[in-house]
C-alpha atoms as a PDB file:
ATOM      1  CA  MET A   1       0.213  26.687 -17.785  1.00  0.00           C
ATOM      2  CA  GLU A   2       2.994  26.909 -15.235  1.00  0.00           C
ATOM      3  CA  GLU A   3       4.128  23.509 -14.093  1.00  0.00           C
ATOM      4  CA  LYS A   4       7.471  22.371 -12.787  1.00  0.00           C
ATOM      5  CA  ILE A   5       8.517  18.951 -13.968  1.00  0.00           C
ATOM      6  CA  TYR A   6      11.850  17.180 -14.080  1.00  0.00           C
ATOM      7  CA  ILE A   7      13.075  16.245 -17.532  1.00  0.00           C
ATOM      8  CA  VAL A   8      13.299  12.594 -16.444  1.00  0.00           C
ATOM      9  CA  GLU A   9       9.605  12.644 -15.514  1.00  0.00           C
ATOM     10  CA  ALA A  10       8.718  14.202 -18.855  1.00  0.00           C
ATOM     11  CA  LEU A  11      10.757  11.629 -20.756  1.00  0.00           C
ATOM     12  CA  HIS A  12       9.008   8.872 -18.795  1.00  0.00           C
ATOM     13  CA  GLU A  13       5.557  10.326 -19.477  1.00  0.00           C
ATOM     14  CA  LEU A  14       5.976  10.719 -23.259  1.00  0.00           C
ATOM     15  CA  PRO A  15       5.739   7.014 -24.217  1.00  0.00           C
ATOM     16  CA  ILE A  16       2.793   6.549 -21.852  1.00  0.00           C
ATOM     17  CA  LEU A  17       0.932   9.403 -23.528  1.00  0.00           C
ATOM     18  CA  HIS A  18       1.868   8.060 -26.957  1.00  0.00           C
ATOM     19  CA  ASP A  19       0.406   4.645 -26.108  1.00  0.00           C
ATOM     20  CA  ARG A  20      -2.807   6.160 -24.747  1.00  0.00           C
ATOM     21  CA  ILE A  21      -3.213   8.302 -27.872  1.00  0.00           C
ATOM     22  CA  ASN A  22      -2.767   5.221 -30.082  1.00  0.00           C
ATOM     23  CA  LYS A  23      -5.323   3.243 -28.047  1.00  0.00           C
ATOM     24  CA  ASN A  24      -7.811   6.095 -28.360  1.00  0.00           C
ATOM     25  CA  LYS A  25      -7.136   6.245 -32.099  1.00  0.00           C
ATOM     26  CA  GLU A  26      -7.950   2.539 -32.471  1.00  0.00           C
ATOM     27  CA  LYS A  27     -11.170   2.939 -30.479  1.00  0.00           C
ATOM     28  CA  LEU A  28     -12.126   5.976 -32.556  1.00  0.00           C
ATOM     29  CA  GLN A  29     -11.630   4.047 -35.788  1.00  0.00           C
ATOM     30  CA  GLU A  30     -13.734   1.181 -34.499  1.00  0.00           C
ATOM     31  CA  TYR A  31     -16.600   3.121 -32.925  1.00  0.00           C
ATOM     32  CA  SER A  32     -16.904   6.124 -35.218  1.00  0.00           C
ATOM     33  CA  SER A  33     -17.187   4.030 -38.387  1.00  0.00           C
ATOM     34  CA  GLY A  34     -19.762   1.782 -36.736  1.00  0.00           C
ATOM     35  CA  VAL A  35     -22.268   4.541 -35.988  1.00  0.00           C
ATOM     36  CA  SER A  36     -23.834   4.607 -39.425  1.00  0.00           C
ATOM     37  CA  ASN A  37     -22.809   1.187 -40.782  1.00  0.00           C
ATOM     38  CA  ILE A  38     -23.745  -1.360 -38.124  1.00  0.00           C
ATOM     39  CA  THR A  39     -25.937  -1.736 -35.075  1.00  0.00           C
ATOM     40  CA  PRO A  40     -24.569   0.605 -32.382  1.00  0.00           C
ATOM     41  CA  VAL A  41     -22.270  -1.054 -29.866  1.00  0.00           C
ATOM     42  CA  PHE A  42     -23.505   1.106 -26.975  1.00  0.00           C
ATOM     43  CA  GLY A  43     -27.231   0.477 -27.213  1.00  0.00           C
ATOM     44  CA  THR A  44     -28.335   3.569 -29.076  1.00  0.00           C
ATOM     45  CA  GLU A  45     -26.688   5.538 -31.815  1.00  0.00           C
ATOM     46  CA  GLN A  46     -26.707   8.693 -29.665  1.00  0.00           C
ATOM     47  CA  GLU A  47     -24.862   6.994 -26.812  1.00  0.00           C
ATOM     48  CA  GLN A  48     -22.219   5.859 -29.260  1.00  0.00           C
ATOM     49  CA  ARG A  49     -21.936   9.369 -30.712  1.00  0.00           C
ATOM     50  CA  ASN A  50     -21.488  10.762 -27.198  1.00  0.00           C
ATOM     51  CA  TYR A  51     -18.769   8.186 -26.461  1.00  0.00           C
ATOM     52  CA  VAL A  52     -16.931   9.046 -29.688  1.00  0.00           C
ATOM     53  CA  ALA A  53     -17.155  12.764 -28.848  1.00  0.00           C
ATOM     54  CA  ALA A  54     -15.764  12.129 -25.351  1.00  0.00           C
ATOM     55  CA  LEU A  55     -12.985  10.010 -26.851  1.00  0.00           C
ATOM     56  CA  MET A  56     -12.101  12.841 -29.234  1.00  0.00           C
ATOM     57  CA  GLN A  57     -11.951  15.295 -26.319  1.00  0.00           C
ATOM     58  CA  SER A  58      -9.706  12.929 -24.353  1.00  0.00           C
ATOM     59  CA  THR A  59      -7.395  12.395 -27.317  1.00  0.00           C
ATOM     60  CA  LYS A  60      -7.120  16.132 -27.877  1.00  0.00           C
ATOM     61  CA  ALA A  61      -6.145  16.698 -24.227  1.00  0.00           C
ATOM     62  CA  LEU A  62      -3.559  13.888 -24.362  1.00  0.00           C
ATOM     63  CA  LEU A  63      -2.103  15.283 -27.578  1.00  0.00           C
ATOM     64  CA  GLU A  64      -1.866  18.797 -26.125  1.00  0.00           C
ATOM     65  CA  ARG A  65      -0.019  17.425 -23.081  1.00  0.00           C
ATOM     66  CA  TYR A  66       2.300  15.370 -25.309  1.00  0.00           C
ATOM     67  CA  LEU A  67       3.177  18.359 -27.495  1.00  0.00           C
ATOM     68  CA  TRP A  68       3.682  20.602 -24.448  1.00  0.00           C
ATOM     69  CA  LEU A  69       6.137  18.114 -22.945  1.00  0.00           C
ATOM     70  CA  LYS A  70       7.994  17.817 -26.251  1.00  0.00           C
ATOM     71  CA  ARG A  71       8.306  21.630 -26.461  1.00  0.00           C
ATOM     72  CA  CYS A  72       9.531  21.839 -22.870  1.00  0.00           C
ATOM     73  CA  ILE A  73      12.145  19.143 -23.462  1.00  0.00           C
ATOM     74  CA  ALA A  74      13.317  20.822 -26.678  1.00  0.00           C
ATOM     75  CA  TYR A  75      13.564  24.183 -24.892  1.00  0.00           C
ATOM     76  CA  THR A  76      15.510  22.649 -22.006  1.00  0.00           C
ATOM     77  CA  ASN A  77      17.875  20.943 -24.429  1.00  0.00           C
ATOM     78  CA  ALA A  78      18.431  24.188 -26.337  1.00  0.00           C
ATOM     79  CA  MET A  79      19.098  26.200 -23.167  1.00  0.00           C
ATOM     80  CA  SER A  80      21.323  23.666 -21.417  1.00  0.00           C
ATOM     81  CA  LYS A  81      25.057  24.040 -21.515  1.00  0.00           C
ATOM     82  CA  VAL A  82      27.060  20.896 -20.884  1.00  0.00           C
ATOM     83  CA  GLU A  83      30.762  20.887 -20.194  1.00  0.00           C
ATOM     84  CA  ILE A  84      32.746  17.671 -20.518  1.00  0.00           C
ATOM     85  CA  CYS A  85      36.327  17.391 -19.239  1.00  0.00           C
ATOM     86  CA  LYS A  86      36.542  20.936 -17.939  1.00  0.00           C
END
């Protein structure tokens, strides 16, 4: 996955991804526990299962992007040489 991104953009994107992951986590807790315990929120139990599966897929993709950005930032920080006052 070759992508050029400025470190400032990556640092800006990290909290956004973190918030989206947390929102997905809350939805997963709400909807996945409700499949077998209460009347399905989405009409049928299968529709709710499909929504939970799609939410899991989305969360996985967000988490992979988040971890990739963190690795790229750590690599950049390790490879950067900064000189102060000469």
